[in-house]
Amino acid sequence: MTISEETTKHIGETKCAANHDHDMIHELSKRLDAVWRYDQYIANASDDKELRKLWCDFKEQEKDNVSRLKKQIQKHIEEDCF
């Protein structure tokens, strides 16, 4: 075993959630951050209607994605598999 393998062999042994649950939470966090940033992008594009529309569209898409993820997380919690 190499030194690199030795120093990382125990990463991930202790889990507080299943991988798919961690994936959902991680992705939700990333998408919430994106929605938050779009407000600034929209403000920065105030003089460019086409670019402003692009950021507004992306923001709405992300809000839909956030909603879908939250529903999926809620479903997993209700089914006691979270």
PDB file of N, CA and C in Angstrom:
ATOM      1  N   MET A   1       0.843  -1.172   0.000  1.00  0.00           N
ATOM      2  CA  MET A   1       0.000   0.000   0.000  1.00  0.00           C
ATOM      3  C   MET A   1       0.894   1.243   0.000  1.00  0.00           C
ATOM      4  N   THR A   2       0.543   2.205  -0.861  1.00  0.00           N
ATOM      5  CA  THR A   2       1.331   3.430  -0.932  1.00  0.00           C
ATOM      6  C   THR A   2       0.996   4.339   0.243  1.00  0.00           C
ATOM      7  N   ILE A   3       1.841   5.330   0.445  1.00  0.00           N
ATOM      8  CA  ILE A   3       1.602   6.295   1.526  1.00  0.00           C
ATOM      9  C   ILE A   3       0.276   7.016   1.284  1.00  0.00           C
ATOM     10  N   SER A   4       0.007   7.370   0.040  1.00  0.00           N
ATOM     11  CA  SER A   4      -1.249   8.056  -0.283  1.00  0.00           C
ATOM     12  C   SER A   4      -2.446   7.180   0.054  1.00  0.00           C
ATOM     13  N   GLU A   5      -2.398   5.920  -0.314  1.00  0.00           N
ATOM     14  CA  GLU A   5      -3.494   4.996  -0.004  1.00  0.00           C
ATOM     15  C   GLU A   5      -3.636   4.809   1.498  1.00  0.00           C
ATOM     16  N   GLU A   6      -2.536   4.747   2.192  1.00  0.00           N
ATOM     17  CA  GLU A   6      -2.548   4.561   3.647  1.00  0.00           C
ATOM     18  C   GLU A   6      -3.200   5.752   4.348  1.00  0.00           C
ATOM     19  N   THR A   7      -2.936   6.962   3.862  1.00  0.00           N
ATOM     20  CA  THR A   7      -3.462   8.149   4.536  1.00  0.00           C
ATOM     21  C   THR A   7      -4.939   8.382   4.256  1.00  0.00           C
ATOM     22  N   THR A   8      -5.492   7.708   3.268  1.00  0.00           N
ATOM     23  CA  THR A   8      -6.904   7.924   2.931  1.00  0.00           C
ATOM     24  C   THR A   8      -7.764   6.670   3.059  1.00  0.00           C
ATOM     25  N   LYS A   9      -7.203   5.581   3.528  1.00  0.00           N
ATOM     26  CA  LYS A   9      -7.946   4.321   3.510  1.00  0.00           C
ATOM     27  C   LYS A   9      -9.164   4.303   4.434  1.00  0.00           C
ATOM     28  N   HIS A  10      -9.204   5.174   5.425  1.00  0.00           N
ATOM     29  CA  HIS A  10     -10.323   5.164   6.375  1.00  0.00           C
ATOM     30  C   HIS A  10     -11.387   6.227   6.084  1.00  0.00           C
ATOM     31  N   ILE A  11     -11.146   7.036   5.060  1.00  0.00           N
ATOM     32  CA  ILE A  11     -12.126   8.074   4.720  1.00  0.00           C
ATOM     33  C   ILE A  11     -13.433   7.415   4.320  1.00  0.00           C
ATOM     34  N   GLY A  12     -14.509   7.886   4.910  1.00  0.00           N
ATOM     35  CA  GLY A  12     -15.835   7.386   4.565  1.00  0.00           C
ATOM     36  C   GLY A  12     -16.294   6.179   5.360  1.00  0.00           C
ATOM     37  N   GLU A  13     -15.481   5.686   6.279  1.00  0.00           N
ATOM     38  CA  GLU A  13     -15.902   4.522   7.065  1.00  0.00           C
ATOM     39  C   GLU A  13     -17.087   4.848   7.968  1.00  0.00           C
ATOM     40  N   THR A  14     -17.082   6.032   8.529  1.00  0.00           N
ATOM     41  CA  THR A  14     -18.169   6.438   9.414  1.00  0.00           C
ATOM     42  C   THR A  14     -19.136   7.292   8.617  1.00  0.00           C
ATOM     43  N   LYS A  15     -20.350   6.788   8.493  1.00  0.00           N
ATOM     44  CA  LYS A  15     -21.367   7.516   7.750  1.00  0.00           C
ATOM     45  C   LYS A  15     -22.528   7.819   8.685  1.00  0.00           C
ATOM     46  N   CYS A  16     -23.065   8.999   8.541  1.00  0.00           N
ATOM     47  CA  CYS A  16     -24.254   9.382   9.307  1.00  0.00           C
ATOM     48  C   CYS A  16     -25.494   9.317   8.434  1.00  0.00           C
ATOM     49  N   ALA A  17     -25.290   9.033   7.153  1.00  0.00           N
ATOM     50  CA  ALA A  17     -26.403   8.951   6.210  1.00  0.00           C
ATOM     51  C   ALA A  17     -25.991   8.053   5.051  1.00  0.00           C
ATOM     52  N   ALA A  18     -26.984   7.471   4.422  1.00  0.00           N
ATOM     53  CA  ALA A  18     -26.709   6.671   3.224  1.00  0.00           C
ATOM     54  C   ALA A  18     -26.174   7.585   2.126  1.00  0.00           C
ATOM     55  N   ASN A  19     -25.426   7.018   1.202  1.00  0.00           N
ATOM     56  CA  ASN A  19     -24.841   7.812   0.124  1.00  0.00           C
ATOM     57  C   ASN A  19     -25.895   8.603  -0.641  1.00  0.00           C
ATOM     58  N   HIS A  20     -27.032   7.977  -0.938  1.00  0.00           N
ATOM     59  CA  HIS A  20     -28.046   8.688  -1.716  1.00  0.00           C
ATOM     60  C   HIS A  20     -28.651   9.852  -0.932  1.00  0.00           C
ATOM     61  N   ASP A  21     -28.730   9.721   0.387  1.00  0.00           N
ATOM     62  CA  ASP A  21     -29.220  10.832   1.209  1.00  0.00           C
ATOM     63  C   ASP A  21     -28.203  11.972   1.232  1.00  0.00           C
ATOM     64  N   HIS A  22     -26.951  11.618   1.392  1.00  0.00           N
ATOM     65  CA  HIS A  22     -25.884  12.620   1.358  1.00  0.00           C
ATOM     66  C   HIS A  22     -25.882  13.337   0.007  1.00  0.00           C
ATOM     67  N   ASP A  23     -26.056  12.578  -1.067  1.00  0.00           N
ATOM     68  CA  ASP A  23     -26.079  13.175  -2.409  1.00  0.00           C
ATOM     69  C   ASP A  23     -27.186  14.211  -2.535  1.00  0.00           C
ATOM     70  N   MET A  24     -28.366  13.881  -2.032  1.00  0.00           N
ATOM     71  CA  MET A  24     -29.486  14.820  -2.128  1.00  0.00           C
ATOM     72  C   MET A  24     -29.218  16.096  -1.338  1.00  0.00           C
ATOM     73  N   ILE A  25     -28.702  15.959  -0.129  1.00  0.00           N
ATOM     74  CA  ILE A  25     -28.417  17.119   0.709  1.00  0.00           C
ATOM     75  C   ILE A  25     -27.316  17.967   0.088  1.00  0.00           C
ATOM     76  N   HIS A  26     -26.284  17.323  -0.406  1.00  0.00           N
ATOM     77  CA  HIS A  26     -25.182  18.045  -1.042  1.00  0.00           C
ATOM     78  C   HIS A  26     -25.679  18.824  -2.264  1.00  0.00           C
ATOM     79  N   GLU A  27     -26.471  18.174  -3.079  1.00  0.00           N
ATOM     80  CA  GLU A  27     -27.002  18.813  -4.286  1.00  0.00           C
ATOM     81  C   GLU A  27     -27.967  19.950  -3.932  1.00  0.00           C
ATOM     82  N   LEU A  28     -28.775  19.755  -2.909  1.00  0.00           N
ATOM     83  CA  LEU A  28     -29.685  20.814  -2.463  1.00  0.00           C
ATOM     84  C   LEU A  28     -28.887  22.047  -2.050  1.00  0.00           C
ATOM     85  N   SER A  29     -27.825  21.844  -1.315  1.00  0.00           N
ATOM     86  CA  SER A  29     -26.989  22.952  -0.876  1.00  0.00           C
ATOM     87  C   SER A  29     -26.404  23.701  -2.072  1.00  0.00           C
ATOM     88  N   LYS A  30     -25.896  22.981  -3.048  1.00  0.00           N
ATOM     89  CA  LYS A  30     -25.325  23.613  -4.228  1.00  0.00           C
ATOM     90  C   LYS A  30     -26.370  24.422  -4.990  1.00  0.00           C
ATOM     91  N   ARG A  31     -27.554  23.872  -5.113  1.00  0.00           N
ATOM     92  CA  ARG A  31     -28.600  24.553  -5.879  1.00  0.00           C
ATOM     93  C   ARG A  31     -29.159  25.754  -5.120  1.00  0.00           C
ATOM     94  N   LEU A  32     -29.242  25.668  -3.790  1.00  0.00           N
ATOM     95  CA  LEU A  32     -29.653  26.827  -2.995  1.00  0.00           C
ATOM     96  C   LEU A  32     -28.645  27.971  -3.157  1.00  0.00           C
ATOM     97  N   ASP A  33     -27.370  27.635  -3.159  1.00  0.00           N
ATOM     98  CA  ASP A  33     -26.341  28.647  -3.382  1.00  0.00           C
ATOM     99  C   ASP A  33     -26.487  29.286  -4.763  1.00  0.00           C
ATOM    100  N   ALA A  34     -26.799  28.484  -5.762  1.00  0.00           N
ATOM    101  CA  ALA A  34     -26.958  29.005  -7.122  1.00  0.00           C
ATOM    102  C   ALA A  34     -28.120  29.991  -7.191  1.00  0.00           C
ATOM    103  N   VAL A  35     -29.246  29.633  -6.599  1.00  0.00           N
ATOM    104  CA  VAL A  35     -30.406  30.534  -6.607  1.00  0.00           C
ATOM    105  C   VAL A  35     -30.037  31.863  -5.954  1.00  0.00           C
ATOM    106  N   TRP A  36     -29.330  31.788  -4.871  1.00  0.00           N
ATOM    107  CA  TRP A  36     -28.908  32.973  -4.131  1.00  0.00           C
ATOM    108  C   TRP A  36     -28.001  33.855  -4.995  1.00  0.00           C
ATOM    109  N   ARG A  37     -27.080  33.245  -5.753  1.00  0.00           N
ATOM    110  CA  ARG A  37     -26.154  34.001  -6.594  1.00  0.00           C
ATOM    111  C   ARG A  37     -26.850  34.636  -7.794  1.00  0.00           C
ATOM    112  N   TYR A  38     -27.893  34.004  -8.307  1.00  0.00           N
ATOM    113  CA  TYR A  38     -28.559  34.544  -9.493  1.00  0.00           C
ATOM    114  C   TYR A  38     -29.093  35.949  -9.273  1.00  0.00           C
ATOM    115  N   ASP A  39     -29.487  36.278  -8.064  1.00  0.00           N
ATOM    116  CA  ASP A  39     -29.953  37.640  -7.787  1.00  0.00           C
ATOM    117  C   ASP A  39     -28.866  38.660  -8.141  1.00  0.00           C
ATOM    118  N   GLN A  40     -27.620  38.343  -7.795  1.00  0.00           N
ATOM    119  CA  GLN A  40     -26.513  39.259  -8.112  1.00  0.00           C
ATOM    120  C   GLN A  40     -26.253  39.279  -9.614  1.00  0.00           C
ATOM    121  N   TYR A  41     -26.306  38.107 -10.249  1.00  0.00           N
ATOM    122  CA  TYR A  41     -26.094  38.050 -11.700  1.00  0.00           C
ATOM    123  C   TYR A  41     -27.138  38.899 -12.426  1.00  0.00           C
ATOM    124  N   ILE A  42     -28.374  38.806 -11.962  1.00  0.00           N
ATOM    125  CA  ILE A  42     -29.468  39.583 -12.573  1.00  0.00           C
ATOM    126  C   ILE A  42     -29.197  41.069 -12.400  1.00  0.00           C
ATOM    127  N   ALA A  43     -28.800  41.467 -11.223  1.00  0.00           N
ATOM    128  CA  ALA A  43     -28.488  42.875 -10.968  1.00  0.00           C
ATOM    129  C   ALA A  43     -27.315  43.346 -11.829  1.00  0.00           C
ATOM    130  N   ASN A  44     -26.310  42.498 -11.983  1.00  0.00           N
ATOM    131  CA  ASN A  44     -25.137  42.863 -12.788  1.00  0.00           C
ATOM    132  C   ASN A  44     -25.488  43.028 -14.260  1.00  0.00           C
ATOM    133  N   ALA A  45     -26.534  42.363 -14.715  1.00  0.00           N
ATOM    134  CA  ALA A  45     -26.925  42.399 -16.126  1.00  0.00           C
ATOM    135  C   ALA A  45     -28.040  43.411 -16.388  1.00  0.00           C
ATOM    136  N   SER A  46     -28.172  44.381 -15.529  1.00  0.00           N
ATOM    137  CA  SER A  46     -29.308  45.303 -15.612  1.00  0.00           C
ATOM    138  C   SER A  46     -29.407  46.032 -16.955  1.00  0.00           C
ATOM    139  N   ASP A  47     -28.290  46.231 -17.630  1.00  0.00           N
ATOM    140  CA  ASP A  47     -28.307  46.946 -18.909  1.00  0.00           C
ATOM    141  C   ASP A  47     -28.447  46.019 -20.117  1.00  0.00           C
ATOM    142  N   ASP A  48     -28.506  44.721 -19.882  1.00  0.00           N
ATOM    143  CA  ASP A  48     -28.560  43.745 -20.981  1.00  0.00           C
ATOM    144  C   ASP A  48     -29.799  42.872 -20.784  1.00  0.00           C
ATOM    145  N   LYS A  49     -30.876  43.220 -21.467  1.00  0.00           N
ATOM    146  CA  LYS A  49     -32.147  42.515 -21.267  1.00  0.00           C
ATOM    147  C   LYS A  49     -32.046  41.028 -21.573  1.00  0.00           C
ATOM    148  N   GLU A  50     -31.322  40.673 -22.623  1.00  0.00           N
ATOM    149  CA  GLU A  50     -31.208  39.266 -22.997  1.00  0.00           C
ATOM    150  C   GLU A  50     -30.458  38.466 -21.927  1.00  0.00           C
ATOM    151  N   LEU A  51     -29.365  39.031 -21.446  1.00  0.00           N
ATOM    152  CA  LEU A  51     -28.599  38.355 -20.397  1.00  0.00           C
ATOM    153  C   LEU A  51     -29.403  38.291 -19.104  1.00  0.00           C
ATOM    154  N   ARG A  52     -30.077  39.380 -18.784  1.00  0.00           N
ATOM    155  CA  ARG A  52     -30.922  39.400 -17.580  1.00  0.00           C
ATOM    156  C   ARG A  52     -31.988  38.304 -17.660  1.00  0.00           C
ATOM    157  N   LYS A  53     -32.612  38.151 -18.823  1.00  0.00           N
ATOM    158  CA  LYS A  53     -33.629  37.104 -19.022  1.00  0.00           C
ATOM    159  C   LYS A  53     -33.017  35.717 -18.843  1.00  0.00           C
ATOM    160  N   LEU A  54     -31.817  35.525 -19.361  1.00  0.00           N
ATOM    161  CA  LEU A  54     -31.126  34.240 -19.210  1.00  0.00           C
ATOM    162  C   LEU A  54     -30.961  33.892 -17.735  1.00  0.00           C
ATOM    163  N   TRP A  55     -30.449  34.864 -16.944  1.00  0.00           N
ATOM    164  CA  TRP A  55     -30.253  34.612 -15.510  1.00  0.00           C
ATOM    165  C   TRP A  55     -31.582  34.383 -14.797  1.00  0.00           C
ATOM    166  N   CYS A  56     -32.605  35.123 -15.182  1.00  0.00           N
ATOM    167  CA  CYS A  56     -33.931  34.928 -14.572  1.00  0.00           C
ATOM    168  C   CYS A  56     -34.471  33.534 -14.888  1.00  0.00           C
ATOM    169  N   ASP A  57     -34.283  33.093 -16.124  1.00  0.00           N
ATOM    170  CA  ASP A  57     -34.725  31.748 -16.507  1.00  0.00           C
ATOM    171  C   ASP A  57     -33.971  30.679 -15.730  1.00  0.00           C
ATOM    172  N   PHE A  58     -32.658  30.856 -15.623  1.00  0.00           N
ATOM    173  CA  PHE A  58     -31.855  29.892 -14.864  1.00  0.00           C
ATOM    174  C   PHE A  58     -32.289  29.857 -13.401  1.00  0.00           C
ATOM    175  N   LYS A  59     -32.562  31.025 -12.855  1.00  0.00           N
ATOM    176  CA  LYS A  59     -32.992  31.092 -11.459  1.00  0.00           C
ATOM    177  C   LYS A  59     -34.296  30.320 -11.262  1.00  0.00           C
ATOM    178  N   GLU A  60     -35.250  30.507 -12.155  1.00  0.00           N
ATOM    179  CA  GLU A  60     -36.528  29.788 -12.052  1.00  0.00           C
ATOM    180  C   GLU A  60     -36.326  28.284 -12.189  1.00  0.00           C
ATOM    181  N   GLN A  61     -35.460  27.879 -13.098  1.00  0.00           N
ATOM    182  CA  GLN A  61     -35.164  26.449 -13.249  1.00  0.00           C
ATOM    183  C   GLN A  61     -34.572  25.879 -11.959  1.00  0.00           C
ATOM    184  N   GLU A  62     -33.654  26.614 -11.355  1.00  0.00           N
ATOM    185  CA  GLU A  62     -33.043  26.143 -10.110  1.00  0.00           C
ATOM    186  C   GLU A  62     -34.055  26.104  -8.977  1.00  0.00           C
ATOM    187  N   LYS A  63     -34.950  27.075  -8.930  1.00  0.00           N
ATOM    188  CA  LYS A  63     -35.986  27.054  -7.899  1.00  0.00           C
ATOM    189  C   LYS A  63     -36.852  25.808  -8.060  1.00  0.00           C
ATOM    190  N   ASP A  64     -37.151  25.434  -9.286  1.00  0.00           N
ATOM    191  CA  ASP A  64     -37.897  24.193  -9.530  1.00  0.00           C
ATOM    192  C   ASP A  64     -37.085  22.979  -9.087  1.00  0.00           C
ATOM    193  N   ASN A  65     -35.791  22.980  -9.388  1.00  0.00           N
ATOM    194  CA  ASN A  65     -34.928  21.880  -8.972  1.00  0.00           C
ATOM    195  C   ASN A  65     -34.870  21.763  -7.448  1.00  0.00           C
ATOM    196  N   VAL A  66     -34.774  22.899  -6.779  1.00  0.00           N
ATOM    197  CA  VAL A  66     -34.762  22.916  -5.309  1.00  0.00           C
ATOM    198  C   VAL A  66     -36.056  22.320  -4.774  1.00  0.00           C
ATOM    199  N   SER A  67     -37.153  22.735  -5.350  1.00  0.00           N
ATOM    200  CA  SER A  67     -38.456  22.222  -4.913  1.00  0.00           C
ATOM    201  C   SER A  67     -38.541  20.708  -5.096  1.00  0.00           C
ATOM    202  N   ARG A  68     -38.089  20.228  -6.234  1.00  0.00           N
ATOM    203  CA  ARG A  68     -38.114  18.778  -6.493  1.00  0.00           C
ATOM    204  C   ARG A  68     -37.238  18.018  -5.504  1.00  0.00           C
ATOM    205  N   LEU A  69     -36.063  18.540  -5.243  1.00  0.00           N
ATOM    206  CA  LEU A  69     -35.165  17.881  -4.287  1.00  0.00           C
ATOM    207  C   LEU A  69     -35.763  17.871  -2.886  1.00  0.00           C
ATOM    208  N   LYS A  70     -36.348  18.990  -2.473  1.00  0.00           N
ATOM    209  CA  LYS A  70     -36.958  19.050  -1.143  1.00  0.00           C
ATOM    210  C   LYS A  70     -38.083  18.029  -1.021  1.00  0.00           C
ATOM    211  N   LYS A  71     -38.877  17.876  -2.071  1.00  0.00           N
ATOM    212  CA  LYS A  71     -39.952  16.877  -2.048  1.00  0.00           C
ATOM    213  C   LYS A  71     -39.388  15.467  -1.957  1.00  0.00           C
ATOM    214  N   GLN A  72     -38.305  15.214  -2.666  1.00  0.00           N
ATOM    215  CA  GLN A  72     -37.695  13.882  -2.631  1.00  0.00           C
ATOM    216  C   GLN A  72     -37.120  13.592  -1.245  1.00  0.00           C
ATOM    217  N   ILE A  73     -36.489  14.595  -0.643  1.00  0.00           N
ATOM    218  CA  ILE A  73     -35.960  14.432   0.710  1.00  0.00           C
ATOM    219  C   ILE A  73     -37.095  14.181   1.691  1.00  0.00           C
ATOM    220  N   GLN A  74     -38.162  14.946   1.562  1.00  0.00           N
ATOM    221  CA  GLN A  74     -39.324  14.762   2.430  1.00  0.00           C
ATOM    222  C   GLN A  74     -39.890  13.353   2.279  1.00  0.00           C
ATOM    223  N   LYS A  75     -39.983  12.869   1.057  1.00  0.00           N
ATOM    224  CA  LYS A  75     -40.485  11.514   0.804  1.00  0.00           C
ATOM    225  C   LYS A  75     -39.619  10.483   1.513  1.00  0.00           C
ATOM    226  N   HIS A  76     -38.316  10.637   1.417  1.00  0.00           N
ATOM    227  CA  HIS A  76     -37.408   9.683   2.066  1.00  0.00           C
ATOM    228  C   HIS A  76     -37.550   9.735   3.585  1.00  0.00           C
ATOM    229  N   ILE A  77     -37.750  10.919   4.119  1.00  0.00           N
ATOM    230  CA  ILE A  77     -37.939  11.053   5.572  1.00  0.00           C
ATOM    231  C   ILE A  77     -39.236  10.376   5.989  1.00  0.00           C
ATOM    232  N   GLU A  78     -40.325  10.640   5.241  1.00  0.00           N
ATOM    233  CA  GLU A  78     -41.608  10.046   5.573  1.00  0.00           C
ATOM    234  C   GLU A  78     -41.591   8.526   5.462  1.00  0.00           C
ATOM    235  N   GLU A  79     -40.784   7.998   4.556  1.00  0.00           N
ATOM    236  CA  GLU A  79     -40.683   6.542   4.385  1.00  0.00           C
ATOM    237  C   GLU A  79     -39.647   5.941   5.327  1.00  0.00           C
ATOM    238  N   ASP A  80     -39.094   6.787   6.223  1.00  0.00           N
ATOM    239  CA  ASP A  80     -38.111   6.356   7.216  1.00  0.00           C
ATOM    240  C   ASP A  80     -36.886   5.687   6.578  1.00  0.00           C
ATOM    241  N   CYS A  81     -36.490   6.216   5.437  1.00  0.00           N
ATOM    242  CA  CYS A  81     -35.281   5.675   4.784  1.00  0.00           C
ATOM    243  C   CYS A  81     -34.245   6.770   4.608  1.00  0.00           C
ATOM    244  N   PHE A  82     -34.296   7.755   5.485  1.00  0.00           N
ATOM    245  CA  PHE A  82     -33.335   8.847   5.416  1.00  0.00           C
ATOM    246  C   PHE A  82     -32.380   8.737   6.569  1.00  0.00           C
TER     247      PHE A  82
END
